[in-house]
Amino acid sequence: MDCEVSNVWLAFFRWIVSQIRRKKMTRIIFAVGMALLLSRVTIAEEATDEAKELLIKASKAADAGESVKAVELTSAAIKRNPSLANAYYLRGREHFRIGKVDESVVD
């Protein structure tokens, strides 16, 4: 996959150089903007996937009675994707189970 990505970026770079030689700056600005946008979308998707995996692990830890581990995993999931409502719920519930009532109320 890394090789494919490198080839795509190399082709993109060559295209940019050809457009500069032709003085087609509007195309260049548009293409660079789109490339940056798409790279950010990919990064955001990867972070969301990682957060969901962490949330699944946290849920399993909670089911196994490992509340402290579940709190750690949900906190990591929230750092990667703060919009996961289930992560806040699970972390709050597990905080309550280990006696940290104030923290559970916050979540």
C-alpha atoms as a PDB file:
ATOM      1  CA  MET A   1       0.000   0.000   0.000  1.00  0.00           C
ATOM      2  CA  ASP A   2       2.832   2.406   0.817  1.00  0.00           C
ATOM      3  CA  CYS A   3       4.247   1.880  -2.650  1.00  0.00           C
ATOM      4  CA  GLU A   4       0.858   2.649  -4.217  1.00  0.00           C
ATOM      5  CA  VAL A   5       0.508   5.800  -2.148  1.00  0.00           C
ATOM      6  CA  SER A   6       4.021   6.906  -3.092  1.00  0.00           C
ATOM      7  CA  ASN A   7       3.258   6.356  -6.762  1.00  0.00           C
ATOM      8  CA  VAL A   8       0.065   8.401  -6.482  1.00  0.00           C
ATOM      9  CA  TRP A   9       1.894  11.293  -4.817  1.00  0.00           C
ATOM     10  CA  LEU A  10       4.702  11.079  -7.386  1.00  0.00           C
ATOM     11  CA  ALA A  11       2.203  11.253 -10.247  1.00  0.00           C
ATOM     12  CA  PHE A  12       0.451  14.145  -8.515  1.00  0.00           C
ATOM     13  CA  PHE A  13       3.759  15.988  -8.100  1.00  0.00           C
ATOM     14  CA  ARG A  14       4.607  15.481 -11.781  1.00  0.00           C
ATOM     15  CA  TRP A  15       1.201  16.817 -12.772  1.00  0.00           C
ATOM     16  CA  ILE A  16       1.737  19.900 -10.574  1.00  0.00           C
ATOM     17  CA  VAL A  17       5.095  20.559 -12.243  1.00  0.00           C
ATOM     18  CA  SER A  18       3.516  20.298 -15.697  1.00  0.00           C
ATOM     19  CA  GLN A  19       0.786  22.743 -14.681  1.00  0.00           C
ATOM     20  CA  ILE A  20       3.346  25.200 -13.328  1.00  0.00           C
ATOM     21  CA  ARG A  21       5.171  25.062 -16.638  1.00  0.00           C
ATOM     22  CA  ARG A  22       1.878  25.833 -18.396  1.00  0.00           C
ATOM     23  CA  LYS A  23       1.099  28.559 -15.824  1.00  0.00           C
ATOM     24  CA  LYS A  24      -2.232  27.023 -14.857  1.00  0.00           C
ATOM     25  CA  MET A  25      -2.225  28.229 -11.249  1.00  0.00           C
ATOM     26  CA  THR A  26      -5.994  27.871 -10.700  1.00  0.00           C
ATOM     27  CA  ARG A  27      -5.794  24.142 -11.363  1.00  0.00           C
ATOM     28  CA  ILE A  28      -2.807  23.819  -9.059  1.00  0.00           C
ATOM     29  CA  ILE A  29      -4.495  25.618  -6.177  1.00  0.00           C
ATOM     30  CA  PHE A  30      -7.631  23.502  -6.591  1.00  0.00           C
ATOM     31  CA  ALA A  31      -5.673  20.243  -6.805  1.00  0.00           C
ATOM     32  CA  VAL A  32      -3.513  21.014  -3.782  1.00  0.00           C
ATOM     33  CA  GLY A  33      -6.587  21.988  -1.777  1.00  0.00           C
ATOM     34  CA  MET A  34      -8.363  18.766  -2.700  1.00  0.00           C
ATOM     35  CA  ALA A  35      -5.298  16.684  -1.857  1.00  0.00           C
ATOM     36  CA  LEU A  36      -5.035  18.292   1.571  1.00  0.00           C
ATOM     37  CA  LEU A  37      -8.749  17.833   2.190  1.00  0.00           C
ATOM     38  CA  LEU A  38      -8.656  14.162   1.221  1.00  0.00           C
ATOM     39  CA  SER A  39      -5.619  13.481   3.376  1.00  0.00           C
ATOM     40  CA  ARG A  40      -7.390  15.009   6.392  1.00  0.00           C
ATOM     41  CA  VAL A  41     -10.481  12.882   5.750  1.00  0.00           C
ATOM     42  CA  THR A  42      -8.334   9.751   5.727  1.00  0.00           C
ATOM     43  CA  ILE A  43      -6.663  10.724   8.997  1.00  0.00           C
ATOM     44  CA  ALA A  44     -10.044  11.460  10.594  1.00  0.00           C
ATOM     45  CA  GLU A  45     -11.434   8.095   9.473  1.00  0.00           C
ATOM     46  CA  GLU A  46      -8.420   6.277  10.911  1.00  0.00           C
ATOM     47  CA  ALA A  47      -8.823   8.078  14.244  1.00  0.00           C
ATOM     48  CA  THR A  48     -12.518   7.188  14.344  1.00  0.00           C
ATOM     49  CA  ASP A  49     -11.793   3.535  13.600  1.00  0.00           C
ATOM     50  CA  GLU A  50      -9.154   3.413  16.340  1.00  0.00           C
ATOM     51  CA  ALA A  51     -11.567   5.050  18.786  1.00  0.00           C
ATOM     52  CA  LYS A  52     -14.289   2.503  18.002  1.00  0.00           C
ATOM     53  CA  GLU A  53     -11.853  -0.374  18.493  1.00  0.00           C
ATOM     54  CA  LEU A  54     -10.808   1.066  21.845  1.00  0.00           C
ATOM     55  CA  LEU A  55     -14.465   1.433  22.835  1.00  0.00           C
ATOM     56  CA  ILE A  56     -15.104  -2.233  22.008  1.00  0.00           C
ATOM     57  CA  LYS A  57     -12.117  -3.251  24.136  1.00  0.00           C
ATOM     58  CA  ALA A  58     -13.348  -1.006  26.954  1.00  0.00           C
ATOM     59  CA  SER A  59     -16.791  -2.596  26.811  1.00  0.00           C
ATOM     60  CA  LYS A  60     -15.259  -6.066  27.041  1.00  0.00           C
ATOM     61  CA  ALA A  61     -13.116  -4.958  29.980  1.00  0.00           C
ATOM     62  CA  ALA A  62     -16.189  -3.556  31.724  1.00  0.00           C
ATOM     63  CA  ASP A  63     -18.094  -6.800  31.152  1.00  0.00           C
ATOM     64  CA  ALA A  64     -15.161  -8.684  32.683  1.00  0.00           C
ATOM     65  CA  GLY A  65     -15.287  -6.462  35.785  1.00  0.00           C
ATOM     66  CA  GLU A  66     -12.098  -4.566  34.913  1.00  0.00           C
ATOM     67  CA  SER A  67     -13.485  -1.087  35.517  1.00  0.00           C
ATOM     68  CA  VAL A  68     -10.122   0.682  35.835  1.00  0.00           C
ATOM     69  CA  LYS A  69      -8.965  -0.720  32.493  1.00  0.00           C
ATOM     70  CA  ALA A  70     -12.315   0.221  30.932  1.00  0.00           C
ATOM     71  CA  VAL A  71     -11.904   3.820  32.138  1.00  0.00           C
ATOM     72  CA  GLU A  72      -8.416   4.001  30.637  1.00  0.00           C
ATOM     73  CA  LEU A  73      -9.585   2.602  27.292  1.00  0.00           C
ATOM     74  CA  THR A  74     -12.632   4.885  27.094  1.00  0.00           C
ATOM     75  CA  SER A  75     -10.462   7.900  27.899  1.00  0.00           C
ATOM     76  CA  ALA A  76      -8.141   6.939  25.041  1.00  0.00           C
ATOM     77  CA  ALA A  77     -11.137   6.510  22.722  1.00  0.00           C
ATOM     78  CA  ILE A  78     -12.479   9.937  23.687  1.00  0.00           C
ATOM     79  CA  LYS A  79      -9.099  11.532  22.918  1.00  0.00           C
ATOM     80  CA  ARG A  80      -9.215  10.063  19.409  1.00  0.00           C
ATOM     81  CA  ASN A  81     -12.878  10.868  18.810  1.00  0.00           C
ATOM     82  CA  PRO A  82     -14.583  13.228  21.300  1.00  0.00           C
ATOM     83  CA  SER A  83     -17.983  12.781  19.635  1.00  0.00           C
ATOM     84  CA  LEU A  84     -18.466   9.159  20.763  1.00  0.00           C
ATOM     85  CA  ALA A  85     -21.376   9.489  23.193  1.00  0.00           C
ATOM     86  CA  ASN A  86     -21.177   5.819  24.190  1.00  0.00           C
ATOM     87  CA  ALA A  87     -17.604   6.323  25.365  1.00  0.00           C
ATOM     88  CA  TYR A  88     -18.688   9.037  27.801  1.00  0.00           C
ATOM     89  CA  TYR A  89     -21.539   6.883  29.067  1.00  0.00           C
ATOM     90  CA  LEU A  90     -19.320   3.841  29.565  1.00  0.00           C
ATOM     91  CA  ARG A  91     -16.581   5.861  31.244  1.00  0.00           C
ATOM     92  CA  GLY A  92     -19.118   7.488  33.578  1.00  0.00           C
ATOM     93  CA  ARG A  93     -20.642   4.132  34.494  1.00  0.00           C
ATOM     94  CA  GLU A  94     -17.239   2.599  35.188  1.00  0.00           C
ATOM     95  CA  HIS A  95     -16.157   5.620  37.230  1.00  0.00           C
ATOM     96  CA  PHE A  96     -19.268   5.071  39.337  1.00  0.00           C
ATOM     97  CA  ARG A  97     -18.463   1.375  39.752  1.00  0.00           C
ATOM     98  CA  ILE A  98     -15.010   2.141  41.145  1.00  0.00           C
ATOM     99  CA  GLY A  99     -16.385   4.774  43.511  1.00  0.00           C
ATOM    100  CA  LYS A 100     -15.455   7.956  41.633  1.00  0.00           C
ATOM    101  CA  VAL A 101     -18.899   9.504  41.751  1.00  0.00           C
ATOM    102  CA  ASP A 102     -17.821  13.067  40.898  1.00  0.00           C
ATOM    103  CA  GLU A 103     -16.061  11.882  37.717  1.00  0.00           C
ATOM    104  CA  SER A 104     -19.058   9.768  36.762  1.00  0.00           C
ATOM    105  CA  VAL A 105     -21.370  12.753  37.001  1.00  0.00           C
ATOM    106  CA  VAL A 106     -19.103  14.780  34.692  1.00  0.00           C
ATOM    107  CA  ASP A 107     -19.363  12.133  31.968  1.00  0.00           C
END
